Amino acid sequence: MRRLPATYTRPHGTRYLLATYDVRADHLCGVSYPRQTWEQVLDFLQAVRRRYPDPVRLHIVLDNRGSHKKHEVLDWCAQHRVRLVFLPTYSSYLNRIECHFTALKKFALSGRYFPDHAAQNAAIQTYLRYRAAIKPSEKRH
């Protein structure tokens, strides 16, 4: 496989992976967005909310990014039984999802060149489907 040298220009921009980790079900999922504005955050939270029955209160751990604290996001969460738990600054290690990103980077991204964002997102989604298919007894934590 051809490895390209590092560059510091991003002619096609960057992408943001918004992801959730269901601790009880040991399920990791994510969606790639071109930006991480409050609209994208709200869209993602709404998609997460649809996966669980209405009576279930969701507790979602987040960092302190401004788009997570926009009043439209907070109002929607209050109306839909979603509690946002904000981590203290410089403490991402407290978020249980962070350790799963290491495996995602290793198996889906490291040492690979992607011609575009669609190919990169396909590799990420392939890894997430692979991880979801593994039986709980076979997963190593």
Protein backbone atom coordinates (compact mmCIF):
# COMPACT_ATOMS: atom_id res chain seq x y z
CA MET A 1 0.00 0.00 0.00
CA ARG A 2 1.30 3.41 -0.94
CA ARG A 3 1.93 5.69 2.01
CA LEU A 4 1.78 9.42 1.43
CA PRO A 5 3.87 11.92 3.34
CA ALA A 6 2.16 14.03 5.97
CA THR A 7 0.73 17.32 4.81
CA TYR A 8 -0.76 20.10 6.81
CA THR A 9 -3.22 21.28 4.22
CA ARG A 10 -6.74 19.96 4.07
CA PRO A 11 -8.07 20.97 0.63
CA HIS A 12 -11.31 19.05 1.22
CA GLY A 13 -11.70 20.06 4.87
CA THR A 14 -11.93 17.82 7.88
CA ARG A 15 -14.69 15.60 9.24
CA TYR A 16 -15.99 15.14 12.76
CA LEU A 17 -17.04 11.77 14.13
CA LEU A 18 -19.89 12.07 16.59
CA ALA A 19 -20.15 8.77 18.41
CA THR A 20 -21.95 7.10 21.29
CA TYR A 21 -21.06 4.15 23.45
CA ASP A 22 -23.86 2.28 25.19
CA VAL A 23 -22.14 0.99 28.33
CA ARG A 24 -24.84 -1.57 29.16
CA ALA A 25 -25.05 -3.06 25.64
CA ASP A 26 -21.34 -2.53 24.84
CA HIS A 27 -22.39 -0.96 21.55
CA LEU A 28 -20.37 1.69 19.73
CA CYS A 29 -21.80 3.72 16.87
CA GLY A 30 -20.90 6.92 15.10
CA VAL A 31 -21.77 9.31 12.31
CA SER A 32 -19.41 11.58 10.38
CA TYR A 33 -20.30 15.24 9.89
CA PRO A 34 -18.53 17.99 7.91
CA ARG A 35 -18.80 20.37 10.88
CA GLN A 36 -19.66 20.13 14.56
CA THR A 37 -22.19 22.90 14.93
CA TRP A 38 -25.11 22.78 17.32
CA GLU A 39 -27.35 21.69 14.42
CA GLN A 40 -25.21 18.60 13.77
CA VAL A 41 -25.01 17.85 17.49
CA LEU A 42 -28.78 18.11 17.79
CA ASP A 43 -29.29 15.94 14.69
CA PHE A 44 -27.02 13.29 16.22
CA LEU A 45 -28.73 13.42 19.63
CA GLN A 46 -32.12 13.03 17.94
CA ALA A 47 -30.85 9.94 16.09
CA VAL A 48 -29.55 8.48 19.36
CA ARG A 49 -32.86 9.23 21.12
CA ARG A 50 -34.80 7.34 18.40
CA ARG A 51 -32.88 4.14 19.21
CA TYR A 52 -34.28 3.92 22.75
CA PRO A 53 -37.86 3.76 24.08
CA ASP A 54 -39.29 7.09 25.26
CA PRO A 55 -39.54 6.17 28.97
CA VAL A 56 -35.79 5.51 29.12
CA ARG A 57 -33.78 8.51 30.33
CA LEU A 58 -30.49 8.82 28.45
CA HIS A 59 -27.33 10.09 30.14
CA ILE A 60 -24.80 11.28 27.57
CA VAL A 61 -21.27 12.24 28.54
CA LEU A 62 -19.74 15.11 26.53
CA ASP A 63 -16.85 17.49 26.56
CA ASN A 64 -17.41 21.21 27.03
CA ARG A 65 -17.52 22.22 23.37
CA GLY A 66 -19.70 25.27 22.85
CA SER A 67 -21.93 23.54 20.28
CA HIS A 68 -22.94 21.02 22.97
CA LYS A 69 -24.19 23.80 25.26
CA LYS A 70 -26.26 25.81 22.79
CA HIS A 71 -29.69 26.60 24.30
CA GLU A 72 -31.52 24.86 21.41
CA VAL A 73 -29.65 21.63 22.23
CA LEU A 74 -30.21 21.97 25.98
CA ASP A 75 -33.92 22.76 25.52
CA TRP A 76 -34.43 19.76 23.25
CA CYS A 77 -32.64 17.48 25.74
CA ALA A 78 -34.80 18.72 28.61
CA GLN A 79 -37.96 17.93 26.63
CA HIS A 80 -36.84 14.44 25.52
CA ARG A 81 -35.44 12.84 28.69
CA VAL A 82 -31.80 13.29 27.69
CA ARG A 83 -29.38 14.37 30.38
CA LEU A 84 -26.08 15.80 29.20
CA VAL A 85 -23.16 15.24 31.56
CA PHE A 86 -20.28 17.59 30.84
CA LEU A 87 -16.75 16.52 31.71
CA PRO A 88 -14.33 18.88 33.41
CA THR A 89 -11.77 20.52 31.13
CA TYR A 90 -8.77 18.30 30.22
CA SER A 91 -10.41 15.13 31.53
CA SER A 92 -11.45 13.22 28.43
CA TYR A 93 -9.98 10.11 30.06
CA LEU A 94 -13.12 10.04 32.24
CA ASN A 95 -15.29 9.39 29.18
CA ARG A 96 -15.73 5.64 28.63
CA ILE A 97 -15.89 6.09 24.84
CA GLU A 98 -12.32 7.41 24.53
CA CYS A 99 -10.61 4.02 24.94
CA HIS A 100 -12.72 2.65 22.07
CA PHE A 101 -11.39 5.34 19.73
CA THR A 102 -7.89 3.85 20.08
CA ALA A 103 -9.05 0.56 18.57
CA LEU A 104 -11.04 2.37 15.90
CA LYS A 105 -7.97 4.37 14.86
CA LYS A 106 -5.75 1.27 14.90
CA PHE A 107 -8.02 -0.99 12.87
CA ALA A 108 -9.72 1.50 10.55
CA LEU A 109 -7.38 4.43 10.02
CA SER A 110 -3.73 3.87 10.93
CA GLY A 111 -1.32 3.57 8.04
CA ARG A 112 -4.02 4.03 5.43
CA TYR A 113 -4.56 6.70 2.84
CA PHE A 114 -8.10 7.56 1.87
CA PRO A 115 -8.76 9.38 -1.41
CA ASP A 116 -11.80 11.14 0.04
CA HIS A 117 -14.04 11.45 3.08
CA ALA A 118 -16.48 8.86 1.78
CA ALA A 119 -13.77 6.18 1.71
CA GLN A 120 -12.60 7.12 5.20
CA ASN A 121 -16.15 7.03 6.53
CA ALA A 122 -16.69 3.62 4.88
CA ALA A 123 -13.64 2.26 6.72
CA ILE A 124 -14.94 3.61 10.02
CA GLN A 125 -18.42 2.16 9.46
CA THR A 126 -16.92 -1.20 8.45
CA TYR A 127 -15.01 -1.30 11.74
CA LEU A 128 -18.14 -0.33 13.73
CA ARG A 129 -20.17 -3.10 12.04
CA TYR A 130 -17.35 -5.60 12.66
CA ARG A 131 -17.18 -4.60 16.34
CA ALA A 132 -20.97 -4.91 16.71
CA ALA A 133 -20.89 -8.44 15.23
CA ILE A 134 -18.36 -9.76 17.76
CA LYS A 135 -19.95 -11.76 20.57
CA PRO A 136 -19.59 -10.15 24.00
CA SER A 137 -17.55 -13.11 25.28
CA GLU A 138 -15.00 -12.57 22.50
CA LYS A 139 -14.46 -8.87 23.14
CA ARG A 140 -11.35 -7.91 25.05
CA HIS A 141 -11.54 -4.85 27.28
